[in-house]
Amino acid sequence: MFRALGMLQVDADDGETIRIPARKQRTLLCALVLHANEWTPVARLVETVWPRHQPPSARGNLKTYVHHLRRVLPRRRGGGERLSSRPGDYQLRLDRGELDAWVFEDLLAEGRRALAAGQNALAATLLEDALRLWRGRPFCELATATADAYVARLEEQRWSAREDVLAARLALGQHRECVEGLRQLLTEQPLREHLWCQLLWALYLGGRRADALAAYRTVRELLISELGIEPGEELQRTHQEILLSTPRAEWQGAAHSPIYRATAAIFTPTGAHPAN
């Protein structure tokens, strides 16, 4: 298993971690993982490993690093080269289940489909399994525009997964248990309005209507002071329904919400390149 959701780690089939202590070799491997199943030009790899100044020996050193990686990386199931080369290019071959970032995306897709189908307990399990794969910032050894773009997309998907777990838990009636988790997320992203909507409903459905209304006042003041705007349509609608004690049925069975049906459309990750 190649683990890129945090500091790069490679595990052998027996579960033992393969040591790759040399920093530049780790950077090279991380770049090859990012572009797995693609032919990656040597010139791009040289720029990634030596971003500021490429020494005259860079290409020769790169060949040495590749030779070492070929010796230590786990073999492919079913045979075939793990790290291939052709004039001017290298390619790392990974199957879909061998990279934790791809496994995360697949579990996220399954969890969203389960959520849309009203299978809330299954959705929560799948989404929590996906989130447990994270150990830190993805591809943290790389500082390239391509890596930054992919990492930003993964981070947004992680946030969506955290919200969807709470949606599943709310739908299961675990309102009080969700409040603590929502407050924790809001310390990280205090301007994320959908989290506030979930918090309002968790408080209200947990029998804390006054606290829900107080939370709305808090977020309204925050948005006005920080951004100079009023709460958005979803948040205002949530406030009105709690104020009038007329909650939408979808918040007592949240997985049937159009919001979640929209996000649970069959998810085909972009930027991933599973083996043929």
C-alpha atoms as a PDB file:
ATOM      1  CA  MET A   1       0.000   0.000   0.000  1.00  0.00           C
ATOM      2  CA  PHE A   2       1.246   3.461  -0.940  1.00  0.00           C
ATOM      3  CA  ARG A   3       0.105   6.022   1.639  1.00  0.00           C
ATOM      4  CA  ALA A   4       0.171   9.649   0.505  1.00  0.00           C
ATOM      5  CA  LEU A   5      -2.501  11.080   2.855  1.00  0.00           C
ATOM      6  CA  GLY A   6       0.246  12.357   5.117  1.00  0.00           C
ATOM      7  CA  MET A   7       4.000  11.781   5.035  1.00  0.00           C
ATOM      8  CA  LEU A   8       4.685   9.329   2.229  1.00  0.00           C
ATOM      9  CA  GLN A   9       4.743   5.743   3.461  1.00  0.00           C
ATOM     10  CA  VAL A  10       5.025   2.471   1.555  1.00  0.00           C
ATOM     11  CA  ASP A  11       3.947  -0.786   3.181  1.00  0.00           C
ATOM     12  CA  ALA A  12       5.016  -4.215   1.988  1.00  0.00           C
ATOM     13  CA  ASP A  13       2.484  -7.026   1.552  1.00  0.00           C
ATOM     14  CA  ASP A  14       3.294  -8.289   5.064  1.00  0.00           C
ATOM     15  CA  GLY A  15       2.448  -4.877   6.536  1.00  0.00           C
ATOM     16  CA  GLU A  16       6.033  -3.860   7.225  1.00  0.00           C
ATOM     17  CA  THR A  17       6.924  -0.275   6.316  1.00  0.00           C
ATOM     18  CA  ILE A  18       9.595   0.014   3.620  1.00  0.00           C
ATOM     19  CA  ARG A  19      12.297   2.469   4.656  1.00  0.00           C
ATOM     20  CA  ILE A  20      13.189   5.180   2.129  1.00  0.00           C
ATOM     21  CA  PRO A  21      15.187   7.572   4.319  1.00  0.00           C
ATOM     22  CA  ALA A  22      16.848   9.677   1.604  1.00  0.00           C
ATOM     23  CA  ARG A  23      14.844  12.898   1.166  1.00  0.00           C
ATOM     24  CA  LYS A  24      15.349  13.294  -2.571  1.00  0.00           C
ATOM     25  CA  GLN A  25      14.404   9.680  -3.224  1.00  0.00           C
ATOM     26  CA  ARG A  26      11.214  10.217  -1.219  1.00  0.00           C
ATOM     27  CA  THR A  27      10.463  13.372  -3.224  1.00  0.00           C
ATOM     28  CA  LEU A  28      10.976  11.458  -6.464  1.00  0.00           C
ATOM     29  CA  LEU A  29       8.740   8.615  -5.330  1.00  0.00           C
ATOM     30  CA  CYS A  30       6.064  11.065  -4.167  1.00  0.00           C
ATOM     31  CA  ALA A  31       6.083  12.717  -7.602  1.00  0.00           C
ATOM     32  CA  LEU A  32       5.768   9.332  -9.296  1.00  0.00           C
ATOM     33  CA  VAL A  33       2.869   8.424  -6.990  1.00  0.00           C
ATOM     34  CA  LEU A  34       1.125  11.698  -7.800  1.00  0.00           C
ATOM     35  CA  HIS A  35       1.379  10.869 -11.509  1.00  0.00           C
ATOM     36  CA  ALA A  36       0.900   7.126 -11.104  1.00  0.00           C
ATOM     37  CA  ASN A  37       0.107   5.220 -14.305  1.00  0.00           C
ATOM     38  CA  GLU A  38       1.228   8.203 -16.393  1.00  0.00           C
ATOM     39  CA  TRP A  39       4.502   8.587 -18.254  1.00  0.00           C
ATOM     40  CA  THR A  40       6.245  11.397 -16.407  1.00  0.00           C
ATOM     41  CA  PRO A  41       9.027  13.273 -18.223  1.00  0.00           C
ATOM     42  CA  VAL A  42      12.484  13.118 -16.692  1.00  0.00           C
ATOM     43  CA  ALA A  43      12.721  16.911 -17.022  1.00  0.00           C
ATOM     44  CA  ARG A  44       9.665  17.383 -14.819  1.00  0.00           C
ATOM     45  CA  LEU A  45      11.012  14.966 -12.214  1.00  0.00           C
ATOM     46  CA  VAL A  46      14.371  16.754 -12.164  1.00  0.00           C
ATOM     47  CA  GLU A  47      12.608  20.091 -11.554  1.00  0.00           C
ATOM     48  CA  THR A  48      10.553  18.525  -8.770  1.00  0.00           C
ATOM     49  CA  VAL A  49      13.506  16.933  -6.981  1.00  0.00           C
ATOM     50  CA  TRP A  50      15.777  19.987  -7.469  1.00  0.00           C
ATOM     51  CA  PRO A  51      13.303  22.906  -7.623  1.00  0.00           C
ATOM     52  CA  ARG A  52      15.833  25.727  -7.219  1.00  0.00           C
ATOM     53  CA  HIS A  53      19.042  24.569  -8.856  1.00  0.00           C
ATOM     54  CA  GLN A  54      19.585  21.452 -10.943  1.00  0.00           C
ATOM     55  CA  PRO A  55      23.163  20.196 -10.636  1.00  0.00           C
ATOM     56  CA  PRO A  56      24.897  18.850 -13.764  1.00  0.00           C
ATOM     57  CA  SER A  57      24.635  15.360 -12.288  1.00  0.00           C
ATOM     58  CA  ALA A  58      20.843  15.601 -11.760  1.00  0.00           C
ATOM     59  CA  ARG A  59      19.806  13.166 -14.479  1.00  0.00           C
ATOM     60  CA  GLY A  60      22.452  10.657 -13.454  1.00  0.00           C
ATOM     61  CA  ASN A  61      21.404  10.951  -9.832  1.00  0.00           C
ATOM     62  CA  LEU A  62      17.795  10.440 -10.851  1.00  0.00           C
ATOM     63  CA  LYS A  63      18.720   7.148 -12.521  1.00  0.00           C
ATOM     64  CA  THR A  64      20.455   6.058  -9.328  1.00  0.00           C
ATOM     65  CA  TYR A  65      17.376   6.899  -7.263  1.00  0.00           C
ATOM     66  CA  VAL A  66      15.150   4.977  -9.658  1.00  0.00           C
ATOM     67  CA  HIS A  67      17.460   1.970  -9.454  1.00  0.00           C
ATOM     68  CA  HIS A  68      17.206   2.016  -5.648  1.00  0.00           C
ATOM     69  CA  LEU A  69      13.413   2.368  -5.702  1.00  0.00           C
ATOM     70  CA  ARG A  70      13.101  -0.569  -8.066  1.00  0.00           C
ATOM     71  CA  ARG A  71      14.950  -2.730  -5.566  1.00  0.00           C
ATOM     72  CA  VAL A  72      12.890  -1.786  -2.495  1.00  0.00           C
ATOM     73  CA  LEU A  73       9.340  -1.196  -3.751  1.00  0.00           C
ATOM     74  CA  PRO A  74       6.842  -4.056  -3.396  1.00  0.00           C
ATOM     75  CA  ARG A  75       6.210  -6.102  -6.506  1.00  0.00           C
ATOM     76  CA  ARG A  76       2.961  -5.747  -8.412  1.00  0.00           C
ATOM     77  CA  ARG A  77       0.330  -8.376  -7.849  1.00  0.00           C
ATOM     78  CA  GLY A  78       0.107 -10.493 -10.961  1.00  0.00           C
ATOM     79  CA  GLY A  79       3.570  -9.516 -12.105  1.00  0.00           C
ATOM     80  CA  GLY A  80       4.757  -6.733 -14.343  1.00  0.00           C
ATOM     81  CA  GLU A  81       7.135  -3.880 -13.645  1.00  0.00           C
ATOM     82  CA  ARG A  82       6.353  -1.557 -10.751  1.00  0.00           C
ATOM     83  CA  LEU A  83       8.561   1.259 -12.036  1.00  0.00           C
ATOM     84  CA  SER A  84       8.925   1.333 -15.813  1.00  0.00           C
ATOM     85  CA  SER A  85      11.056   3.499 -18.062  1.00  0.00           C
ATOM     86  CA  ARG A  86      11.346   4.537 -21.680  1.00  0.00           C
ATOM     87  CA  PRO A  87      13.577   7.174 -23.266  1.00  0.00           C
ATOM     88  CA  GLY A  88      12.879  10.424 -21.416  1.00  0.00           C
ATOM     89  CA  ASP A  89      10.101   9.123 -19.110  1.00  0.00           C
ATOM     90  CA  TYR A  90       9.347   7.069 -16.009  1.00  0.00           C
ATOM     91  CA  GLN A  91       6.072   5.497 -14.893  1.00  0.00           C
ATOM     92  CA  LEU A  92       4.991   4.050 -11.542  1.00  0.00           C
ATOM     93  CA  ARG A  93       2.231   1.451 -11.897  1.00  0.00           C
ATOM     94  CA  LEU A  94      -0.412   1.302  -9.154  1.00  0.00           C
ATOM     95  CA  ASP A  95      -3.684  -0.579  -8.975  1.00  0.00           C
ATOM     96  CA  ARG A  96      -6.741   1.229  -7.675  1.00  0.00           C
ATOM     97  CA  GLY A  97      -6.564  -0.286  -4.203  1.00  0.00           C
ATOM     98  CA  GLU A  98      -2.847   0.380  -3.730  1.00  0.00           C
ATOM     99  CA  LEU A  99      -3.007   4.138  -3.104  1.00  0.00           C
ATOM    100  CA  ASP A 100      -4.775   5.434  -0.016  1.00  0.00           C
ATOM    101  CA  ALA A 101      -5.900   8.638  -1.774  1.00  0.00           C
ATOM    102  CA  TRP A 102      -7.799   6.571  -4.352  1.00  0.00           C
ATOM    103  CA  VAL A 103      -9.219   4.257  -1.668  1.00  0.00           C
ATOM    104  CA  PHE A 104     -10.421   7.364   0.169  1.00  0.00           C
ATOM    105  CA  GLU A 105     -12.183   8.659  -2.945  1.00  0.00           C
ATOM    106  CA  ASP A 106     -13.812   5.280  -3.586  1.00  0.00           C
ATOM    107  CA  LEU A 107     -15.064   4.948   0.011  1.00  0.00           C
ATOM    108  CA  LEU A 108     -16.354   8.517  -0.162  1.00  0.00           C
ATOM    109  CA  ALA A 109     -18.316   7.695  -3.304  1.00  0.00           C
ATOM    110  CA  GLU A 110     -19.768   4.544  -1.723  1.00  0.00           C
ATOM    111  CA  GLY A 111     -20.670   6.440   1.440  1.00  0.00           C
ATOM    112  CA  ARG A 112     -22.459   9.162  -0.496  1.00  0.00           C
ATOM    113  CA  ARG A 113     -24.447   6.613  -2.469  1.00  0.00           C
ATOM    114  CA  ALA A 114     -25.455   4.898   0.767  1.00  0.00           C
ATOM    115  CA  LEU A 115     -26.456   8.247   2.256  1.00  0.00           C
ATOM    116  CA  ALA A 116     -28.613   9.082  -0.752  1.00  0.00           C
ATOM    117  CA  ALA A 117     -30.275   5.660  -0.484  1.00  0.00           C
ATOM    118  CA  GLY A 118     -31.153   6.212   3.176  1.00  0.00           C
ATOM    119  CA  GLN A 119     -28.649   3.589   4.382  1.00  0.00           C
ATOM    120  CA  ASN A 120     -27.420   5.869   7.136  1.00  0.00           C
ATOM    121  CA  ALA A 121     -25.528   3.386   9.321  1.00  0.00           C
ATOM    122  CA  LEU A 122     -23.678   2.000   6.296  1.00  0.00           C
ATOM    123  CA  ALA A 123     -22.938   5.523   5.060  1.00  0.00           C
ATOM    124  CA  ALA A 124     -21.485   6.541   8.416  1.00  0.00           C
ATOM    125  CA  THR A 125     -19.276   3.440   8.512  1.00  0.00           C
ATOM    126  CA  LEU A 126     -17.956   3.922   4.976  1.00  0.00           C
ATOM    127  CA  LEU A 127     -17.282   7.620   5.446  1.00  0.00           C
ATOM    128  CA  GLU A 128     -15.547   7.099   8.781  1.00  0.00           C
ATOM    129  CA  ASP A 129     -13.400   4.368   7.199  1.00  0.00           C
ATOM    130  CA  ALA A 130     -12.447   6.874   4.498  1.00  0.00           C
ATOM    131  CA  LEU A 131     -11.522   9.559   7.014  1.00  0.00           C
ATOM    132  CA  ARG A 132      -9.382   7.177   9.064  1.00  0.00           C
ATOM    133  CA  LEU A 133      -6.984   6.897   6.116  1.00  0.00           C
ATOM    134  CA  TRP A 134      -5.835  10.483   6.673  1.00  0.00           C
ATOM    135  CA  ARG A 135      -2.599  10.948   8.648  1.00  0.00           C
ATOM    136  CA  GLY A 136      -1.723  14.525   7.692  1.00  0.00           C
ATOM    137  CA  ARG A 137      -1.368  16.805   4.672  1.00  0.00           C
ATOM    138  CA  PRO A 138      -1.401  14.758   1.446  1.00  0.00           C
ATOM    139  CA  PHE A 139       1.731  14.691  -0.717  1.00  0.00           C
ATOM    140  CA  CYS A 140       3.480  16.910   1.799  1.00  0.00           C
ATOM    141  CA  GLU A 141       6.902  16.209   0.242  1.00  0.00           C
ATOM    142  CA  LEU A 142       5.895  18.040  -2.943  1.00  0.00           C
ATOM    143  CA  ALA A 143       5.713  21.764  -3.711  1.00  0.00           C
ATOM    144  CA  THR A 144       4.343  21.881  -7.244  1.00  0.00           C
ATOM    145  CA  ALA A 145       1.244  23.470  -8.760  1.00  0.00           C
ATOM    146  CA  THR A 146      -0.088  20.057  -9.790  1.00  0.00           C
ATOM    147  CA  ALA A 147       0.333  18.663  -6.279  1.00  0.00           C
ATOM    148  CA  ASP A 148      -1.237  21.757  -4.695  1.00  0.00           C
ATOM    149  CA  ALA A 149      -4.311  21.496  -6.944  1.00  0.00           C
ATOM    150  CA  TYR A 150      -4.827  17.806  -6.194  1.00  0.00           C
ATOM    151  CA  VAL A 151      -4.274  18.340  -2.469  1.00  0.00           C
ATOM    152  CA  ALA A 152      -6.834  21.171  -2.439  1.00  0.00           C
ATOM    153  CA  ARG A 153      -9.395  18.859  -4.054  1.00  0.00           C
ATOM    154  CA  LEU A 154      -8.651  16.075  -1.577  1.00  0.00           C
ATOM    155  CA  GLU A 155      -8.957  18.493   1.344  1.00  0.00           C
ATOM    156  CA  GLU A 156     -12.359  19.674   0.107  1.00  0.00           C
ATOM    157  CA  GLN A 157     -13.503  16.073  -0.290  1.00  0.00           C
ATOM    158  CA  ARG A 158     -12.341  15.387   3.272  1.00  0.00           C
ATOM    159  CA  TRP A 159     -14.441  18.271   4.504  1.00  0.00           C
ATOM    160  CA  SER A 160     -17.448  16.979   2.584  1.00  0.00           C
ATOM    161  CA  ALA A 161     -16.917  13.532   4.097  1.00  0.00           C
ATOM    162  CA  ARG A 162     -16.841  15.002   7.607  1.00  0.00           C
ATOM    163  CA  GLU A 163     -20.086  16.855   6.939  1.00  0.00           C
ATOM    164  CA  ASP A 164     -21.699  13.774   5.425  1.00  0.00           C
ATOM    165  CA  VAL A 165     -20.764  11.612   8.423  1.00  0.00           C
ATOM    166  CA  LEU A 166     -22.599  14.063  10.625  1.00  0.00           C
ATOM    167  CA  ALA A 167     -25.566  14.073   8.237  1.00  0.00           C
ATOM    168  CA  ALA A 168     -25.751  10.289   8.534  1.00  0.00           C
ATOM    169  CA  ARG A 169     -25.473  10.456  12.317  1.00  0.00           C
ATOM    170  CA  LEU A 170     -28.186  13.118  12.457  1.00  0.00           C
ATOM    171  CA  ALA A 171     -30.421  10.949  10.306  1.00  0.00           C
ATOM    172  CA  LEU A 172     -29.858   8.105  12.777  1.00  0.00           C
ATOM    173  CA  GLY A 173     -31.202  10.353  15.525  1.00  0.00           C
ATOM    174  CA  GLN A 174     -27.828  10.912  17.210  1.00  0.00           C
ATOM    175  CA  HIS A 175     -28.499  14.627  17.561  1.00  0.00           C
ATOM    176  CA  ARG A 176     -26.833  15.268  20.875  1.00  0.00           C
ATOM    177  CA  GLU A 177     -23.763  13.249  19.941  1.00  0.00           C
ATOM    178  CA  CYS A 178     -23.310  15.370  16.791  1.00  0.00           C
ATOM    179  CA  VAL A 179     -23.200  18.706  18.595  1.00  0.00           C
ATOM    180  CA  GLU A 180     -19.677  18.229  19.936  1.00  0.00           C
ATOM    181  CA  GLY A 181     -18.353  17.123  16.560  1.00  0.00           C
ATOM    182  CA  LEU A 182     -19.962  20.062  14.797  1.00  0.00           C
ATOM    183  CA  ARG A 183     -18.569  22.551  17.252  1.00  0.00           C
ATOM    184  CA  GLN A 184     -15.110  21.079  16.724  1.00  0.00           C
ATOM    185  CA  LEU A 185     -15.409  21.436  12.945  1.00  0.00           C
ATOM    186  CA  LEU A 186     -16.596  25.011  13.327  1.00  0.00           C
ATOM    187  CA  THR A 187     -13.454  25.918  15.260  1.00  0.00           C
ATOM    188  CA  GLU A 188     -11.572  24.946  12.097  1.00  0.00           C
ATOM    189  CA  GLN A 189     -13.987  26.457   9.545  1.00  0.00           C
ATOM    190  CA  PRO A 190     -16.154  29.027  11.336  1.00  0.00           C
ATOM    191  CA  LEU A 191     -17.527  30.526   8.105  1.00  0.00           C
ATOM    192  CA  ARG A 192     -18.766  27.238   6.610  1.00  0.00           C
ATOM    193  CA  GLU A 193     -22.506  27.884   6.664  1.00  0.00           C
ATOM    194  CA  HIS A 194     -23.652  24.328   6.042  1.00  0.00           C
ATOM    195  CA  LEU A 195     -21.935  23.260   9.275  1.00  0.00           C
ATOM    196  CA  TRP A 196     -23.930  25.894  11.109  1.00  0.00           C
ATOM    197  CA  CYS A 197     -27.140  24.541   9.567  1.00  0.00           C
ATOM    198  CA  GLN A 198     -26.262  21.079  10.833  1.00  0.00           C
ATOM    199  CA  LEU A 199     -25.444  22.459  14.274  1.00  0.00           C
ATOM    200  CA  LEU A 200     -28.760  24.313  14.473  1.00  0.00           C
ATOM    201  CA  TRP A 201     -30.678  21.146  13.600  1.00  0.00           C
ATOM    202  CA  ALA A 202     -28.616  18.983  15.943  1.00  0.00           C
ATOM    203  CA  LEU A 203     -29.385  21.363  18.796  1.00  0.00           C
ATOM    204  CA  TYR A 204     -33.061  21.706  17.902  1.00  0.00           C
ATOM    205  CA  LEU A 205     -33.719  18.006  17.370  1.00  0.00           C
ATOM    206  CA  GLY A 206     -31.814  17.269  20.563  1.00  0.00           C
ATOM    207  CA  GLY A 207     -34.314  19.367  22.512  1.00  0.00           C
ATOM    208  CA  ARG A 208     -32.234  22.570  22.689  1.00  0.00           C
ATOM    209  CA  ARG A 209     -34.307  25.034  20.662  1.00  0.00           C
ATOM    210  CA  ALA A 210     -33.072  28.109  22.575  1.00  0.00           C
ATOM    211  CA  ASP A 211     -29.463  27.107  22.018  1.00  0.00           C
ATOM    212  CA  ALA A 212     -30.170  26.607  18.308  1.00  0.00           C
ATOM    213  CA  LEU A 213     -31.588  30.123  18.016  1.00  0.00           C
ATOM    214  CA  ALA A 214     -28.623  31.503  19.957  1.00  0.00           C
ATOM    215  CA  ALA A 215     -26.260  29.720  17.575  1.00  0.00           C
ATOM    216  CA  TYR A 216     -27.987  31.425  14.638  1.00  0.00           C
ATOM    217  CA  ARG A 217     -27.454  34.823  16.230  1.00  0.00           C
ATOM    218  CA  THR A 218     -23.796  33.943  16.702  1.00  0.00           C
ATOM    219  CA  VAL A 219     -23.209  32.953  13.086  1.00  0.00           C
ATOM    220  CA  ARG A 220     -25.170  35.932  11.761  1.00  0.00           C
ATOM    221  CA  GLU A 221     -23.011  38.327  13.772  1.00  0.00           C
ATOM    222  CA  LEU A 222     -19.891  36.474  12.630  1.00  0.00           C
ATOM    223  CA  LEU A 223     -20.790  36.691   8.939  1.00  0.00           C
ATOM    224  CA  ILE A 224     -21.654  40.368   9.181  1.00  0.00           C
ATOM    225  CA  SER A 225     -18.458  41.246  11.071  1.00  0.00           C
ATOM    226  CA  GLU A 226     -16.099  39.060   9.005  1.00  0.00           C
ATOM    227  CA  LEU A 227     -17.591  39.263   5.515  1.00  0.00           C
ATOM    228  CA  GLY A 228     -20.149  42.054   5.661  1.00  0.00           C
ATOM    229  CA  ILE A 229     -22.950  39.727   4.482  1.00  0.00           C
ATOM    230  CA  GLU A 230     -26.139  38.230   5.855  1.00  0.00           C
ATOM    231  CA  PRO A 231     -26.488  34.435   6.188  1.00  0.00           C
ATOM    232  CA  GLY A 232     -27.239  32.567   2.981  1.00  0.00           C
ATOM    233  CA  GLU A 233     -30.589  31.159   1.925  1.00  0.00           C
ATOM    234  CA  GLU A 234     -30.123  27.717   3.492  1.00  0.00           C
ATOM    235  CA  LEU A 235     -29.098  29.122   6.859  1.00  0.00           C
ATOM    236  CA  GLN A 236     -31.911  31.690   6.894  1.00  0.00           C
ATOM    237  CA  ARG A 237     -34.434  28.994   6.009  1.00  0.00           C
ATOM    238  CA  THR A 238     -33.121  26.776   8.792  1.00  0.00           C
ATOM    239  CA  HIS A 239     -33.484  29.623  11.270  1.00  0.00           C
ATOM    240  CA  GLN A 240     -37.075  30.322  10.240  1.00  0.00           C
ATOM    241  CA  GLU A 241     -38.089  26.680  10.496  1.00  0.00           C
ATOM    242  CA  ILE A 242     -36.579  26.342  13.951  1.00  0.00           C
ATOM    243  CA  LEU A 243     -38.104  29.655  15.006  1.00  0.00           C
ATOM    244  CA  LEU A 244     -41.542  28.393  13.936  1.00  0.00           C
ATOM    245  CA  SER A 245     -40.879  24.805  15.091  1.00  0.00           C
ATOM    246  CA  THR A 246     -41.597  23.474  11.602  1.00  0.00           C
ATOM    247  CA  PRO A 247     -38.545  21.375  10.718  1.00  0.00           C
ATOM    248  CA  ARG A 248     -38.276  19.860   7.308  1.00  0.00           C
ATOM    249  CA  ALA A 249     -38.882  16.133   7.235  1.00  0.00           C
ATOM    250  CA  GLU A 250     -35.463  15.737   5.656  1.00  0.00           C
ATOM    251  CA  TRP A 251     -33.816  16.812   8.908  1.00  0.00           C
ATOM    252  CA  GLN A 252     -35.560  14.056  10.786  1.00  0.00           C
ATOM    253  CA  GLY A 253     -34.495  11.648   8.047  1.00  0.00           C
ATOM    254  CA  ALA A 254     -31.620  13.697   6.695  1.00  0.00           C
ATOM    255  CA  ALA A 255     -30.355  11.278   4.125  1.00  0.00           C
ATOM    256  CA  HIS A 256     -33.322  11.974   1.880  1.00  0.00           C
ATOM    257  CA  SER A 257     -32.404  15.648   1.641  1.00  0.00           C
ATOM    258  CA  PRO A 258     -31.957  17.000  -1.897  1.00  0.00           C
ATOM    259  CA  ILE A 259     -28.688  18.467  -0.661  1.00  0.00           C
ATOM    260  CA  TYR A 260     -27.285  15.011  -0.057  1.00  0.00           C
ATOM    261  CA  ARG A 261     -28.859  13.484  -3.127  1.00  0.00           C
ATOM    262  CA  ALA A 262     -27.005  16.087  -5.184  1.00  0.00           C
ATOM    263  CA  THR A 263     -23.647  15.346  -3.558  1.00  0.00           C
ATOM    264  CA  ALA A 264     -24.186  11.605  -3.749  1.00  0.00           C
ATOM    265  CA  ALA A 265     -24.427  11.406  -7.523  1.00  0.00           C
ATOM    266  CA  ILE A 266     -22.112   8.686  -8.764  1.00  0.00           C
ATOM    267  CA  PHE A 267     -18.670  10.065  -8.075  1.00  0.00           C
ATOM    268  CA  THR A 268     -15.902   9.598 -10.609  1.00  0.00           C
ATOM    269  CA  PRO A 269     -12.655  11.005  -9.216  1.00  0.00           C
ATOM    270  CA  THR A 270     -10.652  13.205 -11.528  1.00  0.00           C
ATOM    271  CA  GLY A 271      -6.913  13.339 -11.401  1.00  0.00           C
ATOM    272  CA  ALA A 272      -6.719   9.637 -10.551  1.00  0.00           C
ATOM    273  CA  HIS A 273      -5.354   7.185 -13.036  1.00  0.00           C
ATOM    274  CA  PRO A 274      -6.204   3.589 -12.154  1.00  0.00           C
ATOM    275  CA  ALA A 275      -4.329   0.887 -13.958  1.00  0.00           C
ATOM    276  CA  ASN A 276      -5.912  -0.573 -17.041  1.00  0.00           C
END
